[in-house]
Amino acid sequence: MADFYYLPGSSPCRSVIMVAKAVGIDLNKKLLNLQAGEHLKPEFVKINPQHTIPTLADNGFALWESRAILIYLVEKYGKTDSLYPKCPKKRAVINQRLYFDMGTLYQSFANYYYPQVFAKAPADPEAFKKIEAAFEFLNIFLEGQTYAAGDSLTIADIALVASVSTFEVAGFDFSKYANVNKWYENAKKVTPGWDENWAGCLEFKKFFE
């Protein structure tokens, strides 16, 4: 069983939990208290020199960065390739969505909310505009689409739903993005591990109350 270092409130960590559920493997979950500095302990730094979460340690093989972990889990443990098809074009679209999530959507969340939550900084209206722009892009991607990349559930949907659900508990109103709303409502029903994802979201919500 792979060791999984995580926090339930973390969106990237929750995406890994959902993909693990989708491919049918159990993770040996190890809570890491960042505020207590547990990620800086020598034994963890030895596993992951960047001392970040999520981190997967699978029988001596260590990997971090959530979207890389999602791909690894499907390629190693998936009984089919439906979550990450082998077709180069389908895979390329999934990769684009994963990089969009990492560099645009989730990054906009971090840039706007993290300074407020963790440094008590005032809200930055320019950073908020970046969130709106990210949702506008996602809304365009989802035009006429039930899923984020192709015609069935993939790891792109799972990464994105982890991020979008985090925006929901942070209080961002994305109701005006009709395609995102429709996709999100479906994703909540069809994504394995959604209940655990939502429980983690509610843990994170405490930071906004």
N, C-alpha and C. Protein backbone atom coordinates (compact mmCIF):
# COMPACT_ATOMS: atom_id res chain seq x y z
N MET A 1 0.85 -1.20 0.00
CA MET A 1 0.00 0.00 0.00
C MET A 1 0.88 1.25 0.00
N ALA A 2 0.56 2.19 -0.86
CA ALA A 2 1.36 3.41 -0.98
C ALA A 2 1.06 4.37 0.18
N ASP A 3 2.11 4.98 0.72
CA ASP A 3 1.94 6.02 1.72
C ASP A 3 1.56 7.32 1.01
N PHE A 4 0.62 8.05 1.60
CA PHE A 4 0.16 9.29 1.00
C PHE A 4 0.18 10.38 2.06
N TYR A 5 1.06 11.33 1.87
CA TYR A 5 1.21 12.46 2.80
C TYR A 5 0.33 13.59 2.31
N TYR A 6 -0.55 14.07 3.19
CA TYR A 6 -1.59 14.98 2.70
C TYR A 6 -2.22 15.80 3.82
N LEU A 7 -3.07 16.73 3.41
CA LEU A 7 -4.02 17.40 4.29
C LEU A 7 -5.38 17.35 3.60
N PRO A 8 -6.44 17.03 4.32
CA PRO A 8 -7.75 16.88 3.68
C PRO A 8 -8.28 18.17 3.06
N GLY A 9 -7.86 19.32 3.60
CA GLY A 9 -8.34 20.58 3.06
C GLY A 9 -7.71 20.97 1.75
N SER A 10 -6.61 20.35 1.40
CA SER A 10 -5.85 20.71 0.20
C SER A 10 -6.51 20.18 -1.07
N SER A 11 -6.79 21.07 -1.99
CA SER A 11 -7.39 20.66 -3.27
C SER A 11 -6.53 19.66 -4.04
N PRO A 12 -5.22 19.91 -4.22
CA PRO A 12 -4.40 18.93 -4.92
C PRO A 12 -4.39 17.56 -4.24
N CYS A 13 -4.39 17.56 -2.90
CA CYS A 13 -4.44 16.28 -2.18
C CYS A 13 -5.75 15.56 -2.45
N ARG A 14 -6.83 16.31 -2.46
CA ARG A 14 -8.14 15.68 -2.67
C ARG A 14 -8.27 15.10 -4.08
N SER A 15 -7.64 15.73 -5.05
CA SER A 15 -7.70 15.17 -6.41
C SER A 15 -7.03 13.79 -6.45
N VAL A 16 -5.94 13.63 -5.72
CA VAL A 16 -5.25 12.34 -5.67
C VAL A 16 -6.14 11.28 -5.00
N ILE A 17 -6.80 11.67 -3.93
CA ILE A 17 -7.68 10.74 -3.22
C ILE A 17 -8.80 10.24 -4.15
N MET A 18 -9.35 11.16 -4.94
CA MET A 18 -10.44 10.77 -5.85
C MET A 18 -9.94 9.86 -6.97
N VAL A 19 -8.77 10.14 -7.52
CA VAL A 19 -8.24 9.27 -8.57
C VAL A 19 -7.89 7.90 -8.01
N ALA A 20 -7.33 7.84 -6.81
CA ALA A 20 -7.04 6.55 -6.17
C ALA A 20 -8.32 5.74 -6.02
N LYS A 21 -9.39 6.43 -5.62
CA LYS A 21 -10.69 5.75 -5.49
C LYS A 21 -11.15 5.25 -6.86
N ALA A 22 -10.95 6.06 -7.89
CA ALA A 22 -11.40 5.70 -9.23
C ALA A 22 -10.68 4.48 -9.78
N VAL A 23 -9.40 4.33 -9.44
CA VAL A 23 -8.64 3.17 -9.95
C VAL A 23 -8.66 2.00 -8.97
N GLY A 24 -9.30 2.21 -7.81
CA GLY A 24 -9.52 1.11 -6.90
C GLY A 24 -8.35 0.73 -6.01
N ILE A 25 -7.53 1.72 -5.63
CA ILE A 25 -6.45 1.39 -4.70
C ILE A 25 -6.63 2.15 -3.39
N ASP A 26 -6.19 1.52 -2.32
CA ASP A 26 -6.21 2.14 -1.00
C ASP A 26 -4.89 2.86 -0.76
N LEU A 27 -4.99 4.04 -0.17
CA LEU A 27 -3.80 4.80 0.21
C LEU A 27 -3.62 4.74 1.71
N ASN A 28 -2.39 4.59 2.15
CA ASN A 28 -2.07 4.67 3.57
C ASN A 28 -1.88 6.15 3.91
N LYS A 29 -2.98 6.79 4.32
CA LYS A 29 -2.98 8.24 4.46
C LYS A 29 -2.23 8.68 5.72
N LYS A 30 -1.33 9.63 5.52
CA LYS A 30 -0.52 10.17 6.62
C LYS A 30 -0.71 11.68 6.66
N LEU A 31 -1.44 12.14 7.66
CA LEU A 31 -1.66 13.57 7.82
C LEU A 31 -0.34 14.27 8.11
N LEU A 32 -0.12 15.40 7.46
CA LEU A 32 1.10 16.17 7.66
C LEU A 32 0.70 17.55 8.15
N ASN A 33 1.09 17.88 9.36
CA ASN A 33 0.74 19.18 9.95
C ASN A 33 1.77 20.22 9.52
N LEU A 34 1.41 21.01 8.52
CA LEU A 34 2.35 22.00 8.00
C LEU A 34 2.61 23.11 9.02
N GLN A 35 1.57 23.49 9.76
CA GLN A 35 1.74 24.57 10.73
C GLN A 35 2.71 24.17 11.84
N ALA A 36 2.79 22.87 12.09
CA ALA A 36 3.73 22.39 13.11
C ALA A 36 5.10 22.07 12.51
N GLY A 37 5.22 22.27 11.20
CA GLY A 37 6.51 22.06 10.55
C GLY A 37 6.86 20.62 10.26
N GLU A 38 5.84 19.74 10.26
CA GLU A 38 6.14 18.31 10.04
C GLU A 38 6.72 18.05 8.65
N HIS A 39 6.41 18.93 7.71
CA HIS A 39 6.93 18.74 6.34
C HIS A 39 8.42 19.08 6.25
N LEU A 40 8.96 19.68 7.31
CA LEU A 40 10.38 20.06 7.30
C LEU A 40 11.25 19.08 8.07
N LYS A 41 10.62 18.05 8.61
CA LYS A 41 11.40 17.05 9.34
C LYS A 41 12.30 16.28 8.37
N PRO A 42 13.51 15.94 8.81
CA PRO A 42 14.48 15.29 7.91
C PRO A 42 13.94 14.04 7.22
N GLU A 43 13.13 13.26 7.92
CA GLU A 43 12.63 12.02 7.33
C GLU A 43 11.68 12.30 6.16
N PHE A 44 10.93 13.43 6.24
CA PHE A 44 10.05 13.76 5.12
C PHE A 44 10.84 14.43 3.99
N VAL A 45 11.76 15.30 4.33
CA VAL A 45 12.59 15.96 3.31
C VAL A 45 13.39 14.92 2.52
N LYS A 46 13.73 13.82 3.18
CA LYS A 46 14.45 12.75 2.48
C LYS A 46 13.57 12.13 1.39
N ILE A 47 12.26 12.05 1.67
CA ILE A 47 11.32 11.52 0.69
C ILE A 47 11.06 12.54 -0.41
N ASN A 48 10.83 13.78 -0.01
CA ASN A 48 10.51 14.85 -0.94
C ASN A 48 11.33 16.09 -0.59
N PRO A 49 12.41 16.34 -1.32
CA PRO A 49 13.28 17.48 -1.02
C PRO A 49 12.56 18.83 -1.10
N GLN A 50 11.48 18.89 -1.87
CA GLN A 50 10.70 20.13 -1.95
C GLN A 50 9.74 20.28 -0.77
N HIS A 51 9.64 19.24 0.03
CA HIS A 51 8.78 19.15 1.23
C HIS A 51 7.39 19.76 1.01
N THR A 52 6.73 19.28 -0.04
CA THR A 52 5.38 19.73 -0.37
C THR A 52 4.39 18.57 -0.25
N ILE A 53 3.12 18.93 -0.16
CA ILE A 53 2.05 17.93 -0.25
C ILE A 53 1.19 18.29 -1.46
N PRO A 54 0.59 17.25 -2.06
CA PRO A 54 0.64 15.83 -1.71
C PRO A 54 1.96 15.18 -2.13
N THR A 55 2.33 14.15 -1.38
CA THR A 55 3.47 13.32 -1.73
C THR A 55 3.06 11.86 -1.62
N LEU A 56 3.41 11.09 -2.65
CA LEU A 56 3.12 9.66 -2.68
C LEU A 56 4.42 8.90 -2.56
N ALA A 57 4.45 7.91 -1.67
CA ALA A 57 5.62 7.03 -1.54
C ALA A 57 5.13 5.61 -1.77
N ASP A 58 5.44 5.07 -2.94
CA ASP A 58 4.89 3.79 -3.37
C ASP A 58 6.02 2.76 -3.47
N ASN A 59 6.19 2.01 -2.38
CA ASN A 59 7.21 0.95 -2.36
C ASN A 59 8.59 1.46 -2.79
N GLY A 60 9.00 2.55 -2.16
CA GLY A 60 10.33 3.08 -2.43
C GLY A 60 10.38 4.11 -3.54
N PHE A 61 9.29 4.28 -4.27
CA PHE A 61 9.23 5.28 -5.33
C PHE A 61 8.44 6.48 -4.81
N ALA A 62 9.08 7.65 -4.78
CA ALA A 62 8.44 8.86 -4.26
C ALA A 62 8.09 9.81 -5.39
N LEU A 63 6.92 10.43 -5.29
CA LEU A 63 6.47 11.36 -6.31
C LEU A 63 5.63 12.45 -5.65
N TRP A 64 5.86 13.69 -6.12
CA TRP A 64 5.02 14.79 -5.64
C TRP A 64 4.58 15.60 -6.85
N GLU A 65 3.80 16.64 -6.61
CA GLU A 65 3.04 17.39 -7.62
C GLU A 65 1.82 16.55 -8.02
N SER A 66 0.67 17.05 -7.61
CA SER A 66 -0.55 16.23 -7.67
C SER A 66 -0.87 15.73 -9.07
N ARG A 67 -0.70 16.57 -10.07
CA ARG A 67 -1.13 16.14 -11.41
C ARG A 67 -0.23 15.05 -11.96
N ALA A 68 1.04 15.06 -11.58
CA ALA A 68 1.94 13.95 -11.94
C ALA A 68 1.51 12.67 -11.22
N ILE A 69 1.06 12.80 -9.98
CA ILE A 69 0.60 11.64 -9.22
C ILE A 69 -0.66 11.05 -9.87
N LEU A 70 -1.56 11.92 -10.32
CA LEU A 70 -2.79 11.42 -10.96
C LEU A 70 -2.45 10.54 -12.16
N ILE A 71 -1.54 11.01 -12.99
CA ILE A 71 -1.14 10.25 -14.17
C ILE A 71 -0.49 8.92 -13.77
N TYR A 72 0.38 8.99 -12.78
CA TYR A 72 1.08 7.78 -12.32
C TYR A 72 0.07 6.74 -11.82
N LEU A 73 -0.89 7.17 -11.03
CA LEU A 73 -1.86 6.22 -10.47
C LEU A 73 -2.65 5.52 -11.56
N VAL A 74 -3.07 6.28 -12.58
CA VAL A 74 -3.84 5.67 -13.66
C VAL A 74 -2.96 4.73 -14.48
N GLU A 75 -1.75 5.17 -14.79
CA GLU A 75 -0.88 4.35 -15.64
C GLU A 75 -0.42 3.08 -14.92
N LYS A 76 -0.26 3.17 -13.61
CA LYS A 76 0.19 1.97 -12.89
C LYS A 76 -0.96 1.08 -12.44
N TYR A 77 -2.03 1.70 -11.97
CA TYR A 77 -3.08 0.91 -11.31
C TYR A 77 -4.42 0.87 -12.06
N GLY A 78 -4.61 1.70 -13.07
CA GLY A 78 -5.88 1.72 -13.78
C GLY A 78 -6.12 0.41 -14.52
N LYS A 79 -7.31 -0.12 -14.39
CA LYS A 79 -7.64 -1.37 -15.09
C LYS A 79 -7.94 -1.10 -16.57
N THR A 80 -8.31 0.13 -16.87
CA THR A 80 -8.47 0.58 -18.26
C THR A 80 -7.74 1.92 -18.38
N ASP A 81 -7.70 2.46 -19.59
CA ASP A 81 -7.07 3.77 -19.77
C ASP A 81 -8.11 4.88 -19.91
N SER A 82 -9.35 4.62 -19.45
CA SER A 82 -10.43 5.59 -19.67
C SER A 82 -10.17 6.94 -19.00
N LEU A 83 -9.52 6.93 -17.86
CA LEU A 83 -9.25 8.18 -17.15
C LEU A 83 -8.12 8.98 -17.78
N TYR A 84 -7.28 8.30 -18.58
CA TYR A 84 -6.15 8.95 -19.24
C TYR A 84 -5.83 8.15 -20.50
N PRO A 85 -6.68 8.31 -21.54
CA PRO A 85 -6.56 7.47 -22.74
C PRO A 85 -5.20 7.55 -23.40
N LYS A 86 -4.83 6.45 -24.06
CA LYS A 86 -3.53 6.39 -24.72
C LYS A 86 -3.48 7.17 -26.04
N CYS A 87 -4.64 7.51 -26.59
CA CYS A 87 -4.69 8.30 -27.82
C CYS A 87 -3.95 9.62 -27.60
N PRO A 88 -2.93 9.93 -28.44
CA PRO A 88 -2.13 11.14 -28.23
C PRO A 88 -2.95 12.43 -28.20
N LYS A 89 -3.96 12.53 -29.06
CA LYS A 89 -4.77 13.75 -29.10
C LYS A 89 -5.64 13.89 -27.86
N LYS A 90 -6.27 12.80 -27.45
CA LYS A 90 -7.10 12.85 -26.24
C LYS A 90 -6.23 13.17 -25.02
N ARG A 91 -5.08 12.54 -24.97
CA ARG A 91 -4.16 12.76 -23.84
C ARG A 91 -3.66 14.20 -23.84
N ALA A 92 -3.40 14.75 -25.01
CA ALA A 92 -2.92 16.13 -25.11
C ALA A 92 -3.94 17.11 -24.55
N VAL A 93 -5.23 16.87 -24.83
CA VAL A 93 -6.28 17.76 -24.31
C VAL A 93 -6.35 17.63 -22.79
N ILE A 94 -6.27 16.42 -22.29
CA ILE A 94 -6.27 16.22 -20.84
C ILE A 94 -5.09 16.95 -20.21
N ASN A 95 -3.92 16.81 -20.82
CA ASN A 95 -2.74 17.49 -20.29
C ASN A 95 -2.93 19.00 -20.28
N GLN A 96 -3.51 19.53 -21.35
CA GLN A 96 -3.76 20.98 -21.40
C GLN A 96 -4.65 21.40 -20.24
N ARG A 97 -5.70 20.63 -19.98
CA ARG A 97 -6.61 20.97 -18.88
C ARG A 97 -5.90 20.87 -17.53
N LEU A 98 -5.03 19.87 -17.38
CA LEU A 98 -4.28 19.74 -16.13
C LEU A 98 -3.35 20.94 -15.92
N TYR A 99 -2.68 21.36 -16.99
CA TYR A 99 -1.77 22.51 -16.86
C TYR A 99 -2.57 23.80 -16.66
N PHE A 100 -3.74 23.88 -17.28
CA PHE A 100 -4.62 25.03 -17.05
C PHE A 100 -5.04 25.08 -15.58
N ASP A 101 -5.40 23.93 -15.03
CA ASP A 101 -5.78 23.88 -13.62
C ASP A 101 -4.61 24.33 -12.75
N MET A 102 -3.43 23.82 -13.03
CA MET A 102 -2.27 24.13 -12.21
C MET A 102 -1.84 25.60 -12.33
N GLY A 103 -1.72 26.07 -13.58
CA GLY A 103 -1.10 27.37 -13.79
C GLY A 103 -2.05 28.55 -13.88
N THR A 104 -3.34 28.26 -14.10
CA THR A 104 -4.31 29.35 -14.26
C THR A 104 -5.41 29.30 -13.21
N LEU A 105 -6.18 28.23 -13.19
CA LEU A 105 -7.35 28.18 -12.31
C LEU A 105 -6.95 28.09 -10.84
N TYR A 106 -6.24 27.02 -10.48
CA TYR A 106 -5.86 26.88 -9.07
C TYR A 106 -4.88 27.98 -8.65
N GLN A 107 -4.04 28.40 -9.58
CA GLN A 107 -3.09 29.48 -9.27
C GLN A 107 -3.83 30.76 -8.93
N SER A 108 -4.93 31.02 -9.63
CA SER A 108 -5.72 32.23 -9.34
C SER A 108 -6.33 32.14 -7.94
N PHE A 109 -6.71 30.95 -7.54
CA PHE A 109 -7.23 30.76 -6.18
C PHE A 109 -6.14 31.09 -5.16
N ALA A 110 -4.97 30.50 -5.36
CA ALA A 110 -3.86 30.71 -4.43
C ALA A 110 -3.48 32.18 -4.33
N ASN A 111 -3.42 32.85 -5.48
CA ASN A 111 -2.98 34.24 -5.49
C ASN A 111 -3.97 35.17 -4.81
N TYR A 112 -5.25 34.85 -4.89
CA TYR A 112 -6.26 35.73 -4.30
C TYR A 112 -6.55 35.38 -2.84
N TYR A 113 -6.76 34.10 -2.57
CA TYR A 113 -7.25 33.72 -1.24
C TYR A 113 -6.14 33.47 -0.22
N TYR A 114 -5.03 32.88 -0.62
CA TYR A 114 -4.01 32.53 0.36
C TYR A 114 -3.46 33.72 1.13
N PRO A 115 -3.18 34.86 0.48
CA PRO A 115 -2.70 36.01 1.27
C PRO A 115 -3.72 36.46 2.31
N GLN A 116 -5.00 36.36 1.97
CA GLN A 116 -6.04 36.76 2.92
C GLN A 116 -6.14 35.78 4.09
N VAL A 117 -6.07 34.49 3.76
CA VAL A 117 -6.27 33.45 4.78
C VAL A 117 -5.04 33.32 5.68
N PHE A 118 -3.87 33.29 5.08
CA PHE A 118 -2.68 32.95 5.85
C PHE A 118 -1.83 34.15 6.26
N ALA A 119 -2.02 35.30 5.59
CA ALA A 119 -1.24 36.49 5.96
C ALA A 119 -2.14 37.65 6.38
N LYS A 120 -3.46 37.41 6.41
CA LYS A 120 -4.43 38.44 6.80
C LYS A 120 -4.30 39.69 5.95
N ALA A 121 -3.90 39.51 4.70
CA ALA A 121 -3.76 40.63 3.77
C ALA A 121 -5.13 41.03 3.23
N PRO A 122 -5.27 42.27 2.80
CA PRO A 122 -6.55 42.68 2.19
C PRO A 122 -6.74 42.02 0.83
N ALA A 123 -7.99 41.90 0.42
CA ALA A 123 -8.30 41.32 -0.88
C ALA A 123 -7.73 42.19 -2.00
N ASP A 124 -7.17 41.55 -3.00
CA ASP A 124 -6.57 42.25 -4.14
C ASP A 124 -7.53 42.17 -5.32
N PRO A 125 -8.15 43.29 -5.71
CA PRO A 125 -9.13 43.24 -6.80
C PRO A 125 -8.53 42.78 -8.13
N GLU A 126 -7.25 43.05 -8.35
CA GLU A 126 -6.63 42.60 -9.60
C GLU A 126 -6.51 41.07 -9.62
N ALA A 127 -6.19 40.49 -8.48
CA ALA A 127 -6.11 39.03 -8.37
C ALA A 127 -7.49 38.41 -8.56
N PHE A 128 -8.53 39.11 -8.08
CA PHE A 128 -9.89 38.60 -8.26
C PHE A 128 -10.27 38.56 -9.74
N LYS A 129 -9.82 39.54 -10.49
CA LYS A 129 -10.09 39.55 -11.93
C LYS A 129 -9.48 38.33 -12.61
N LYS A 130 -8.34 37.87 -12.10
CA LYS A 130 -7.69 36.69 -12.67
C LYS A 130 -8.56 35.44 -12.44
N ILE A 131 -9.24 35.40 -11.30
CA ILE A 131 -10.17 34.29 -11.03
C ILE A 131 -11.30 34.31 -12.06
N GLU A 132 -11.88 35.50 -12.25
CA GLU A 132 -12.98 35.61 -13.20
C GLU A 132 -12.53 35.22 -14.61
N ALA A 133 -11.32 35.63 -14.98
CA ALA A 133 -10.81 35.27 -16.30
C ALA A 133 -10.63 33.76 -16.43
N ALA A 134 -10.14 33.13 -15.37
CA ALA A 134 -9.94 31.68 -15.38
C ALA A 134 -11.27 30.95 -15.57
N PHE A 135 -12.31 31.41 -14.87
CA PHE A 135 -13.62 30.77 -15.01
C PHE A 135 -14.22 31.03 -16.39
N GLU A 136 -13.93 32.19 -16.95
CA GLU A 136 -14.41 32.45 -18.31
C GLU A 136 -13.76 31.48 -19.30
N PHE A 137 -12.47 31.23 -19.13
CA PHE A 137 -11.80 30.26 -19.99
C PHE A 137 -12.40 28.87 -19.81
N LEU A 138 -12.57 28.46 -18.55
CA LEU A 138 -13.13 27.13 -18.29
C LEU A 138 -14.53 27.02 -18.88
N ASN A 139 -15.29 28.09 -18.78
CA ASN A 139 -16.64 28.09 -19.34
C ASN A 139 -16.61 27.87 -20.86
N ILE A 140 -15.62 28.46 -21.52
CA ILE A 140 -15.45 28.27 -22.97
C ILE A 140 -15.05 26.83 -23.28
N PHE A 141 -14.11 26.29 -22.49
CA PHE A 141 -13.68 24.90 -22.71
C PHE A 141 -14.87 23.94 -22.64
N LEU A 142 -15.83 24.27 -21.78
CA LEU A 142 -16.93 23.34 -21.51
C LEU A 142 -18.15 23.58 -22.40
N GLU A 143 -18.05 24.48 -23.34
CA GLU A 143 -19.18 24.75 -24.24
C GLU A 143 -19.56 23.46 -24.99
N GLY A 144 -20.79 23.03 -24.78
CA GLY A 144 -21.29 21.83 -25.45
C GLY A 144 -20.67 20.54 -24.95
N GLN A 145 -19.99 20.60 -23.79
CA GLN A 145 -19.27 19.44 -23.27
C GLN A 145 -19.84 19.01 -21.92
N THR A 146 -20.00 17.72 -21.73
CA THR A 146 -20.37 17.19 -20.42
C THR A 146 -19.13 17.03 -19.55
N TYR A 147 -18.00 16.75 -20.19
CA TYR A 147 -16.74 16.53 -19.48
C TYR A 147 -15.68 17.51 -19.96
N ALA A 148 -14.64 17.66 -19.17
CA ALA A 148 -13.63 18.69 -19.43
C ALA A 148 -12.73 18.38 -20.62
N ALA A 149 -12.55 17.09 -20.91
CA ALA A 149 -11.64 16.70 -21.98
C ALA A 149 -12.15 15.41 -22.61
N GLY A 150 -12.95 15.56 -23.64
CA GLY A 150 -13.48 14.35 -24.28
C GLY A 150 -14.90 14.07 -23.85
N ASP A 151 -15.35 12.82 -24.08
CA ASP A 151 -16.76 12.49 -23.85
C ASP A 151 -16.97 11.57 -22.65
N SER A 152 -15.98 11.49 -21.78
CA SER A 152 -16.15 10.71 -20.55
C SER A 152 -15.25 11.28 -19.46
N LEU A 153 -15.46 10.82 -18.24
CA LEU A 153 -14.71 11.30 -17.08
C LEU A 153 -13.22 10.97 -17.24
N THR A 154 -12.37 11.97 -17.02
CA THR A 154 -10.92 11.76 -17.04
C THR A 154 -10.30 12.44 -15.82
N ILE A 155 -9.00 12.26 -15.69
CA ILE A 155 -8.30 12.92 -14.57
C ILE A 155 -8.37 14.44 -14.69
N ALA A 156 -8.63 14.96 -15.89
CA ALA A 156 -8.81 16.41 -16.03
C ALA A 156 -10.02 16.87 -15.23
N ASP A 157 -11.12 16.14 -15.35
CA ASP A 157 -12.32 16.49 -14.57
C ASP A 157 -12.03 16.42 -13.08
N ILE A 158 -11.31 15.39 -12.67
CA ILE A 158 -11.10 15.18 -11.23
C ILE A 158 -10.22 16.28 -10.65
N ALA A 159 -9.17 16.67 -11.37
CA ALA A 159 -8.33 17.78 -10.91
C ALA A 159 -9.13 19.07 -10.85
N LEU A 160 -9.91 19.32 -11.88
CA LEU A 160 -10.68 20.56 -11.94
C LEU A 160 -11.79 20.61 -10.89
N VAL A 161 -12.45 19.47 -10.65
CA VAL A 161 -13.53 19.49 -9.67
C VAL A 161 -12.99 19.69 -8.26
N ALA A 162 -11.77 19.22 -8.00
CA ALA A 162 -11.15 19.49 -6.70
C ALA A 162 -10.94 20.99 -6.52
N SER A 163 -10.50 21.66 -7.58
CA SER A 163 -10.28 23.11 -7.51
C SER A 163 -11.59 23.88 -7.43
N VAL A 164 -12.54 23.55 -8.30
CA VAL A 164 -13.79 24.31 -8.34
C VAL A 164 -14.56 24.15 -7.03
N SER A 165 -14.55 22.97 -6.44
CA SER A 165 -15.24 22.78 -5.16
C SER A 165 -14.59 23.61 -4.06
N THR A 166 -13.29 23.86 -4.18
CA THR A 166 -12.60 24.70 -3.21
C THR A 166 -13.02 26.15 -3.37
N PHE A 167 -13.19 26.59 -4.62
CA PHE A 167 -13.74 27.93 -4.85
C PHE A 167 -15.13 28.05 -4.23
N GLU A 168 -15.91 26.99 -4.31
CA GLU A 168 -17.27 27.05 -3.75
C GLU A 168 -17.24 27.32 -2.26
N VAL A 169 -16.42 26.59 -1.52
CA VAL A 169 -16.42 26.80 -0.06
C VAL A 169 -15.73 28.10 0.32
N ALA A 170 -14.92 28.65 -0.58
CA ALA A 170 -14.31 29.95 -0.32
C ALA A 170 -15.30 31.09 -0.54
N GLY A 171 -16.45 30.75 -1.14
CA GLY A 171 -17.50 31.74 -1.32
C GLY A 171 -17.51 32.42 -2.68
N PHE A 172 -16.72 31.90 -3.64
CA PHE A 172 -16.74 32.49 -4.98
C PHE A 172 -18.00 32.03 -5.70
N ASP A 173 -18.75 32.99 -6.20
CA ASP A 173 -20.01 32.68 -6.90
C ASP A 173 -19.74 32.48 -8.39
N PHE A 174 -19.81 31.23 -8.83
CA PHE A 174 -19.59 30.97 -10.25
C PHE A 174 -20.89 30.63 -10.97
N SER A 175 -22.02 31.09 -10.41
CA SER A 175 -23.33 30.75 -10.99
C SER A 175 -23.52 31.35 -12.38
N LYS A 176 -22.82 32.44 -12.68
CA LYS A 176 -23.02 33.07 -14.00
C LYS A 176 -22.30 32.33 -15.12
N TYR A 177 -21.46 31.36 -14.75
CA TYR A 177 -20.75 30.57 -15.75
C TYR A 177 -21.55 29.29 -15.99
N ALA A 178 -22.50 29.37 -16.91
CA ALA A 178 -23.50 28.31 -17.07
C ALA A 178 -22.88 26.96 -17.39
N ASN A 179 -21.89 26.95 -18.26
CA ASN A 179 -21.27 25.67 -18.65
C ASN A 179 -20.52 25.05 -17.48
N VAL A 180 -19.86 25.89 -16.69
CA VAL A 180 -19.14 25.39 -15.51
C VAL A 180 -20.14 24.80 -14.52
N ASN A 181 -21.23 25.50 -14.31
CA ASN A 181 -22.26 25.02 -13.38
C ASN A 181 -22.79 23.66 -13.78
N LYS A 182 -23.13 23.53 -15.05
CA LYS A 182 -23.71 22.28 -15.54
C LYS A 182 -22.69 21.14 -15.41
N TRP A 183 -21.45 21.41 -15.80
CA TRP A 183 -20.38 20.40 -15.67
C TRP A 183 -20.18 20.01 -14.21
N TYR A 184 -20.15 21.01 -13.32
CA TYR A 184 -19.88 20.78 -11.90
C TYR A 184 -20.96 19.90 -11.27
N GLU A 185 -22.22 20.19 -11.59
CA GLU A 185 -23.30 19.40 -11.02
C GLU A 185 -23.19 17.93 -11.45
N ASN A 186 -22.82 17.70 -12.70
CA ASN A 186 -22.63 16.32 -13.17
C ASN A 186 -21.41 15.69 -12.52
N ALA A 187 -20.33 16.45 -12.43
CA ALA A 187 -19.08 15.91 -11.87
C ALA A 187 -19.28 15.44 -10.42
N LYS A 188 -20.09 16.18 -9.67
CA LYS A 188 -20.35 15.78 -8.28
C LYS A 188 -21.02 14.40 -8.21
N LYS A 189 -21.79 14.07 -9.22
CA LYS A 189 -22.52 12.80 -9.22
C LYS A 189 -21.67 11.64 -9.71
N VAL A 190 -20.75 11.90 -10.63
CA VAL A 190 -20.05 10.80 -11.30
C VAL A 190 -18.60 10.61 -10.86
N THR A 191 -18.07 11.52 -10.05
CA THR A 191 -16.66 11.41 -9.65
C THR A 191 -16.52 10.50 -8.44
N PRO A 192 -15.77 9.40 -8.55
CA PRO A 192 -15.52 8.54 -7.39
C PRO A 192 -14.82 9.34 -6.29
N GLY A 193 -15.25 9.11 -5.06
CA GLY A 193 -14.61 9.79 -3.94
C GLY A 193 -15.10 11.21 -3.71
N TRP A 194 -16.19 11.61 -4.40
CA TRP A 194 -16.69 12.98 -4.23
C TRP A 194 -17.00 13.28 -2.77
N ASP A 195 -17.59 12.34 -2.04
CA ASP A 195 -17.98 12.60 -0.64
C ASP A 195 -16.77 12.97 0.21
N GLU A 196 -15.67 12.25 0.00
CA GLU A 196 -14.46 12.56 0.77
C GLU A 196 -13.89 13.91 0.34
N ASN A 197 -13.99 14.20 -0.95
CA ASN A 197 -13.55 15.51 -1.43
C ASN A 197 -14.33 16.62 -0.73
N TRP A 198 -15.65 16.44 -0.66
CA TRP A 198 -16.48 17.49 -0.07
C TRP A 198 -16.21 17.63 1.44
N ALA A 199 -15.96 16.52 2.10
CA ALA A 199 -15.61 16.58 3.52
C ALA A 199 -14.33 17.39 3.72
N GLY A 200 -13.37 17.20 2.83
CA GLY A 200 -12.14 17.99 2.90
C GLY A 200 -12.39 19.46 2.62
N CYS A 201 -13.28 19.73 1.68
CA CYS A 201 -13.66 21.12 1.39
C CYS A 201 -14.23 21.79 2.63
N LEU A 202 -15.08 21.07 3.35
CA LEU A 202 -15.70 21.66 4.54
C LEU A 202 -14.66 21.92 5.64
N GLU A 203 -13.61 21.08 5.68
CA GLU A 203 -12.51 21.37 6.61
C GLU A 203 -11.83 22.68 6.22
N PHE A 204 -11.62 22.85 4.93
CA PHE A 204 -10.94 24.06 4.45
C PHE A 204 -11.83 25.30 4.65
N LYS A 205 -13.13 25.10 4.60
CA LYS A 205 -14.08 26.21 4.72
C LYS A 205 -13.91 26.94 6.05
N LYS A 206 -13.42 26.24 7.06
CA LYS A 206 -13.25 26.86 8.39
C LYS A 206 -12.35 28.08 8.31
N PHE A 207 -11.42 28.10 7.34
CA PHE A 207 -10.53 29.25 7.20
C PHE A 207 -11.27 30.50 6.74
N PHE A 208 -12.47 30.31 6.20
CA PHE A 208 -13.22 31.45 5.66
C PHE A 208 -14.37 31.87 6.57
N GLU A 209 -14.46 31.27 7.73
CA GLU A 209 -15.59 31.58 8.63
C GLU A 209 -15.14 32.47 9.77
